[in-house]
Amino acid sequence: PDGAQPLIMWMSQRVGSSWVSRLLNSHPEIAMKGEKYNNCQDDDCLEEMCRLFTAPASPETRVRGFKQKFLYCGGGPQLERKM
């Protein structure tokens, strides 16, 4: 395949997601971007996110992804958005 397998970690705060992200990133076939897109609010940011998943992958990288926070508001998960 041309692109790498996408991976998005949906995590709430204080659950060990940074540790899991570092652990995944230590694998030679996985490239994690951390919380790079938490405040994604424009088309340029969304296009960059799409390029992360659609750009040709190196033979060593089989999985690419990032971590996204969500909050619990009113009993259900909500994306954290800063306006």
Protein backbone atom coordinates (compact mmCIF):
# COMPACT_ATOMS: atom_id res chain seq x y z
CA PRO A 1 0.00 0.00 0.00
CA ASP A 2 1.03 3.60 -0.64
CA GLY A 3 0.03 5.01 2.75
CA ALA A 4 0.47 3.76 6.27
CA GLN A 5 -2.36 2.31 8.34
CA PRO A 6 -4.04 5.18 10.27
CA LEU A 7 -4.24 5.15 14.06
CA ILE A 8 -6.09 7.71 16.19
CA MET A 9 -5.98 7.39 19.98
CA TRP A 10 -9.10 8.91 21.58
CA MET A 11 -8.24 9.46 25.24
CA SER A 12 -9.44 11.52 28.14
CA GLN A 13 -7.01 13.33 30.40
CA ARG A 14 -4.82 11.62 33.00
CA VAL A 15 -5.24 8.03 31.77
CA GLY A 16 -1.67 7.29 30.67
CA SER A 17 -2.14 8.15 27.00
CA SER A 18 1.25 9.92 26.77
CA TRP A 19 2.95 6.77 28.01
CA VAL A 20 1.01 4.63 25.51
CA SER A 21 1.86 7.06 22.71
CA ARG A 22 5.59 6.96 23.60
CA LEU A 23 5.45 3.16 23.80
CA LEU A 24 3.84 2.92 20.35
CA ASN A 25 6.29 5.46 18.94
CA SER A 26 9.22 3.38 20.16
CA HIS A 27 8.20 0.63 17.72
CA PRO A 28 10.18 0.96 14.46
CA GLU A 29 7.07 0.54 12.28
CA ILE A 30 4.87 3.12 14.09
CA ALA A 31 5.04 6.94 13.88
CA MET A 32 2.87 8.83 16.39
CA LYS A 33 2.46 12.64 16.27
CA GLY A 34 1.17 13.18 19.81
CA GLU A 35 -1.59 15.76 20.42
CA LYS A 36 -0.75 17.73 17.30
CA TYR A 37 -4.36 18.20 16.14
CA ASN A 38 -6.21 18.93 19.41
CA ASN A 39 -6.93 22.52 18.37
CA CYS A 40 -7.46 21.89 14.67
CA GLN A 41 -9.94 24.56 13.53
CA ASP A 42 -9.11 25.43 9.93
CA ASP A 43 -8.79 23.81 6.52
CA ASP A 44 -4.97 23.92 6.55
CA CYS A 45 -4.87 21.88 9.74
CA LEU A 46 -7.38 19.36 8.39
CA GLU A 47 -5.41 19.05 5.13
CA GLU A 48 -2.22 18.38 7.11
CA MET A 49 -4.04 15.68 9.07
CA CYS A 50 -5.22 14.06 5.82
CA ARG A 51 -1.69 14.17 4.38
CA LEU A 52 -0.45 12.34 7.47
CA PHE A 53 -2.59 9.36 6.46
CA THR A 54 -2.42 9.58 2.66
CA ALA A 55 1.23 10.42 1.95
CA PRO A 56 3.37 7.53 0.77
CA ALA A 57 4.85 5.66 3.68
CA SER A 58 8.43 4.57 3.97
CA PRO A 59 8.95 0.81 3.93
CA GLU A 60 9.71 0.95 7.66
CA THR A 61 6.55 2.84 8.66
CA ARG A 62 3.43 0.70 8.58
CA VAL A 63 1.28 2.74 11.01
CA ARG A 64 0.97 6.53 11.44
CA GLY A 65 -1.23 8.27 13.93
CA PHE A 66 -1.87 10.86 16.58
CA LYS A 67 -3.54 11.28 19.95
CA GLN A 68 -6.79 13.25 20.37
CA LYS A 69 -8.25 14.33 23.72
CA PHE A 70 -11.91 14.30 24.57
CA LEU A 71 -13.71 15.47 27.68
CA TYR A 72 -16.78 14.14 29.45
CA CYS A 73 -19.44 16.83 29.62
CA GLY A 74 -22.97 15.96 30.66
CA GLY A 75 -22.26 12.24 30.74
CA GLY A 76 -21.07 11.84 27.13
CA PRO A 77 -17.72 12.25 25.42
CA GLN A 78 -17.12 15.64 23.82
CA LEU A 79 -14.20 16.82 21.70
CA GLU A 80 -12.09 19.43 23.40
CA ARG A 81 -12.42 22.59 21.29
CA LYS A 82 -10.91 25.95 22.13
CA MET A 83 -12.64 28.80 20.33
